[in-house]
Amino acid sequence: MIQSFLYHAFGVRKGYEYWRTEYVAGCIRFFLLVKPELLVCPRCNSREISRKGRRFRELQTVPIGLKHVFLVTEVPQCECRKCRQSFEIHPPLPRRTSATRMRSGTSSKTCADS
């Protein structure tokens, strides 16, 4: 059910699977992991991939009620076993932007961990 909600509410499409939700400091964070079918070498198109770590990218999306909502997507760091190319699988999300500044100079984000 949560996968359907993420699709219809935020446009999370194939390639990602729901992992967990955090409710911290008045925010909701949905964590998404990359499905194995996205792990393809950009140089030789091989699926023989070794994961070498990961980082997470956070995207603020529309609120639910008065709660700020973030999609936290996994960005796997990989290496191709065939051609030895190192690469990351970037989520098909908008580029990172800075927080909007208001006249008082405060950030528009209000969550403690943002």
Protein backbone atom coordinates (compact mmCIF):
# COMPACT_ATOMS: atom_id res chain seq x y z
CA MET A 1 0.00 0.00 0.00
CA ILE A 2 2.79 2.47 0.86
CA GLN A 3 4.37 1.96 -2.60
CA SER A 4 1.05 2.92 -4.21
CA PHE A 5 0.78 6.00 -1.97
CA LEU A 6 4.31 7.11 -2.89
CA TYR A 7 3.51 6.70 -6.58
CA HIS A 8 0.20 8.58 -6.53
CA ALA A 9 1.19 11.30 -4.04
CA PHE A 10 4.81 12.00 -5.06
CA GLY A 11 5.38 10.33 -8.44
CA VAL A 12 7.85 7.70 -7.17
CA ARG A 13 8.11 5.34 -10.12
CA LYS A 14 9.63 1.99 -10.92
CA GLY A 15 13.22 1.46 -9.92
CA TYR A 16 12.66 2.29 -6.28
CA GLU A 17 11.23 0.34 -3.40
CA TYR A 18 10.01 1.65 -0.08
CA TRP A 19 12.36 0.87 2.83
CA ARG A 20 11.16 2.77 5.91
CA THR A 21 9.63 5.96 7.29
CA GLU A 22 11.02 8.30 9.95
CA TYR A 23 8.94 10.77 11.95
CA VAL A 24 11.41 13.23 13.51
CA ALA A 25 11.16 16.90 14.53
CA GLY A 26 7.82 17.48 12.83
CA CYS A 27 8.97 15.97 9.51
CA ILE A 28 8.16 12.80 7.63
CA ARG A 29 10.97 11.10 5.71
CA PHE A 30 10.25 8.25 3.30
CA PHE A 31 13.40 6.22 2.55
CA LEU A 32 13.66 4.60 -0.88
CA LEU A 33 16.16 2.01 -2.11
CA VAL A 34 17.27 1.41 -5.69
CA LYS A 35 16.00 -1.84 -7.20
CA PRO A 36 18.64 -4.15 -8.73
CA GLU A 37 17.36 -3.61 -12.29
CA LEU A 38 18.74 -0.03 -12.23
CA LEU A 39 22.26 -1.32 -11.55
CA VAL A 40 23.71 -1.20 -15.09
CA CYS A 41 27.17 -0.02 -16.13
CA PRO A 42 26.93 3.26 -18.10
CA ARG A 43 30.04 2.36 -20.14
CA CYS A 44 29.45 -1.25 -21.26
CA ASN A 45 25.78 -1.84 -20.19
CA SER A 46 26.79 -4.87 -18.13
CA ARG A 47 24.65 -5.99 -15.20
CA GLU A 48 27.69 -7.54 -13.47
CA ILE A 49 27.93 -4.83 -10.82
CA SER A 50 29.53 -4.71 -7.38
CA ARG A 51 28.18 -2.25 -4.83
CA LYS A 52 30.98 -0.26 -3.20
CA GLY A 53 28.94 1.83 -0.79
CA ARG A 54 26.09 4.30 -0.88
CA ARG A 55 24.96 7.74 0.14
CA PHE A 56 21.50 9.24 0.45
CA ARG A 57 19.94 12.23 -1.28
CA GLU A 58 17.09 14.13 0.33
CA LEU A 59 14.40 15.88 -1.68
CA GLN A 60 11.77 18.06 -0.03
CA THR A 61 8.35 17.52 -1.54
CA VAL A 62 4.81 18.73 -0.87
CA PRO A 63 3.67 18.68 2.76
CA ILE A 64 1.15 16.34 4.31
CA GLY A 65 -1.01 18.60 6.44
CA LEU A 66 1.42 20.75 8.43
CA LYS A 67 4.25 18.19 8.24
CA HIS A 68 7.25 18.75 5.98
CA VAL A 69 7.83 15.69 3.78
CA PHE A 70 11.13 14.45 2.35
CA LEU A 71 11.94 11.62 -0.05
CA VAL A 72 15.33 10.17 0.90
CA THR A 73 16.72 8.15 -1.99
CA GLU A 74 19.67 5.79 -2.02
CA VAL A 75 22.53 6.67 -4.40
CA PRO A 76 24.57 3.43 -4.78
CA GLN A 77 28.28 3.66 -5.52
CA CYS A 78 29.14 0.84 -7.90
CA GLU A 79 31.90 -0.77 -9.92
CA CYS A 80 31.47 -2.81 -13.08
CA ARG A 81 33.09 -6.25 -12.86
CA LYS A 82 33.62 -6.35 -16.63
CA CYS A 83 35.20 -2.96 -17.49
CA ARG A 84 36.08 -1.78 -13.93
CA GLN A 85 34.21 1.52 -14.39
CA SER A 86 33.29 3.21 -11.07
CA PHE A 87 29.96 5.08 -11.07
CA GLU A 88 26.92 6.12 -9.05
CA ILE A 89 23.30 5.39 -9.89
CA HIS A 90 21.69 8.83 -9.71
CA PRO A 91 18.00 8.92 -8.93
CA PRO A 92 15.80 10.44 -11.64
CA LEU A 93 14.98 13.41 -9.43
CA PRO A 94 15.39 17.17 -9.87
CA ARG A 95 18.83 18.69 -9.34
CA ARG A 96 19.72 19.90 -5.87
CA THR A 97 18.74 23.51 -5.14
CA SER A 98 19.49 25.71 -2.16
CA ALA A 99 16.85 26.52 0.44
CA THR A 100 14.68 29.52 -0.39
CA ARG A 101 15.66 32.56 1.66
CA MET A 102 13.01 34.79 3.14
CA ARG A 103 13.35 38.50 3.80
CA SER A 104 14.43 37.95 7.39
CA GLY A 105 17.30 35.76 6.17
CA THR A 106 15.90 32.56 7.66
CA SER A 107 15.60 29.39 5.67
CA SER A 108 12.20 28.12 4.58
CA LYS A 109 13.02 24.71 6.08
CA THR A 110 11.93 24.28 9.68
CA CYS A 111 12.86 20.69 10.51
CA ALA A 112 15.63 20.17 13.04
CA ASP A 113 17.58 17.65 10.89
CA SER A 114 17.21 19.33 7.48
